[in-house]
Protein backbone atom coordinates (compact mmCIF):
# COMPACT_ATOMS: atom_id res chain seq x y z
CA MET A 1 104.17 115.84 115.10
CA ILE A 2 107.33 116.80 113.27
CA GLN A 3 107.47 120.35 111.91
CA ILE A 4 109.78 121.93 109.35
CA VAL A 5 110.66 125.62 109.75
CA PRO A 6 112.96 127.36 107.25
CA LYS A 7 116.10 129.02 108.57
CA THR A 8 116.65 132.72 107.98
CA ASN A 9 118.66 134.18 105.08
CA LEU A 10 117.78 131.58 102.49
CA THR A 11 119.85 131.13 99.35
CA ILE A 12 118.49 130.07 95.96
CA GLN A 13 119.74 126.52 96.65
CA ASP A 14 117.98 126.56 100.04
CA ILE A 15 114.71 127.60 98.40
CA LYS A 16 115.06 124.83 95.81
CA LYS A 17 115.53 122.29 98.59
CA LEU A 18 112.57 123.63 100.58
CA ARG A 19 110.31 123.47 97.53
CA THR A 20 110.94 119.70 97.39
CA LEU A 21 109.38 119.44 100.86
CA CYS A 22 106.29 121.57 100.42
CA ASN A 23 104.10 123.27 97.85
CA CYS A 24 104.98 126.77 99.03
CA SER A 25 105.76 129.56 96.62
CA ILE A 26 109.05 131.42 96.82
CA SER A 27 107.37 134.37 98.52
CA GLU A 28 105.68 132.05 101.04
CA LEU A 29 109.05 130.46 101.82
CA LYS A 30 110.71 133.84 102.28
CA SER A 31 107.90 134.96 104.58
CA ALA A 32 108.03 131.71 106.57
CA SER A 33 111.79 132.10 106.87
CA LYS A 34 111.50 135.66 108.12
CA ASN A 35 108.73 134.83 110.60
CA ARG A 36 110.03 131.34 111.52
CA GLU A 37 106.74 129.71 110.48
CA VAL A 38 106.04 126.03 109.84
CA ILE A 39 106.04 125.05 106.16
CA GLN A 40 105.50 121.29 106.55
CA GLU A 41 104.12 118.98 109.22
CA TYR A 42 104.41 115.22 109.50
CA LEU A 43 101.92 113.39 111.72
CA ILE A 44 103.30 110.46 113.69
CA PHE A 45 101.52 107.10 113.23
CA GLU A 46 98.63 108.73 111.38
CA GLY A 47 97.49 108.85 107.77
CA GLN A 48 100.04 107.55 105.29
CA TRP A 49 102.57 106.60 107.98
CA ALA A 50 104.66 104.36 105.68
CA GLU A 51 105.25 107.31 103.35
CA THR A 52 105.80 109.75 106.21
CA ARG A 53 108.40 107.60 107.93
CA ASN A 54 110.33 107.27 104.66
CA LYS A 55 110.31 111.05 104.24
CA LEU A 56 111.56 111.48 107.80
CA LYS A 57 114.35 109.00 107.13
CA GLU A 58 115.29 110.95 103.98
CA LEU A 59 115.47 114.14 106.07
CA ALA A 60 117.81 112.40 108.51
CA ASP A 61 119.97 111.10 105.65
CA ASP A 62 120.14 114.57 104.06
CA TRP A 63 121.04 116.13 107.41
CA GLN A 64 123.82 113.55 107.84
CA LYS A 65 125.36 114.73 104.54
CA ALA A 66 125.07 118.51 105.02
CA ASP A 67 123.44 121.29 106.95
CA LEU A 68 119.78 121.72 106.14
CA PRO A 69 118.12 125.05 105.21
CA PHE A 70 115.48 124.37 107.83
CA SER A 71 115.06 123.37 111.44
CA ILE A 72 113.22 120.24 112.51
CA TYR A 73 110.94 120.38 115.55
CA LEU A 74 109.04 117.88 117.64
CA SER A 75 105.77 119.56 118.50
CA ASP A 76 102.60 118.94 120.47
CA GLU A 77 99.87 121.14 121.96
CA GLN A 78 102.10 122.40 124.78
CA ALA A 79 105.58 122.81 123.30
CA ARG A 80 107.82 122.81 120.26
CA ASP A 81 111.36 121.51 120.74
CA GLU A 82 114.06 121.71 118.10
CA PHE A 83 116.22 118.72 117.29
CA GLU A 84 119.70 120.11 117.93
CA ASP A 85 121.60 117.63 115.79
CA VAL A 86 121.13 114.72 113.42
CA ALA A 87 121.97 112.23 116.19
CA SER A 88 119.02 113.35 118.31
CA PHE A 89 116.68 113.23 115.31
CA THR A 90 117.92 109.78 114.28
CA SER A 91 117.52 108.59 117.87
CA TYR A 92 113.92 109.81 117.85
CA LEU A 93 113.24 107.92 114.60
CA LYS A 94 114.67 104.75 116.18
CA HIS A 95 112.35 105.33 119.15
CA LEU A 96 109.39 105.53 116.75
CA ARG A 97 110.50 102.25 115.15
CA GLN A 98 110.66 100.63 118.57
CA ILE A 99 107.07 101.72 119.24
CA GLU A 100 106.01 100.27 115.87
CA VAL A 101 107.61 96.91 116.64
CA GLU A 102 106.11 96.80 120.14
CA GLN A 103 102.67 97.50 118.65
CA GLN A 104 103.15 94.76 116.05
CA MET A 105 104.07 92.30 118.80
CA ALA A 106 101.13 93.33 120.99
CA THR A 107 98.75 92.89 118.07
CA ASP A 108 100.17 89.46 117.23
CA LEU A 109 99.80 88.37 120.86
CA GLU A 110 96.24 89.72 121.13
CA GLN A 111 95.19 88.07 117.87
CA GLY A 112 96.74 84.75 118.87
CA TYR A 113 99.23 84.67 116.00
CA ILE A 114 101.98 84.09 118.55
CA ASN A 115 101.92 82.71 122.08
CA SER A 116 104.97 84.49 123.47
CA ARG A 117 107.30 87.38 122.76
CA ASP A 118 109.99 84.89 121.73
CA GLU A 119 107.92 83.84 118.70
CA PHE A 120 107.60 87.37 117.35
CA ILE A 121 108.99 88.29 113.93
CA GLU A 122 108.85 91.92 112.77
CA HIS A 123 106.24 92.53 110.06
CA ASP A 124 108.45 94.76 107.93
CA GLU A 125 112.03 95.84 107.47
CA ASP A 126 113.64 98.33 109.79
CA TRP A 127 113.32 101.67 107.99
CA THR A 128 115.64 103.54 110.33
């Protein structure tokens, strides 16, 4: 999953930006910032994935334009690793897209919609 953790020493503008990502109060954001706690999580390939992937792309676009008032982590049961820069985060999103396309192709082959990989056409536009 992808986790959002506010950076320390938040400004008013930082808090405004963070409130667009989550339903946290100002005091909750300040506490999360101080304690480096997660304020938002995005599950990969679960739930409303089409909406989630668009939000992740927006985060990458925002990061490309300016520093973010939060850190972005890739997390699982064993570890939580921070994306050090926008390039690594964007690369991860492209990796997720590759998995999506591979799954689409596998499904098409299994269902008999196509007979070979050469016949495959992506089901949707590339969101990365």
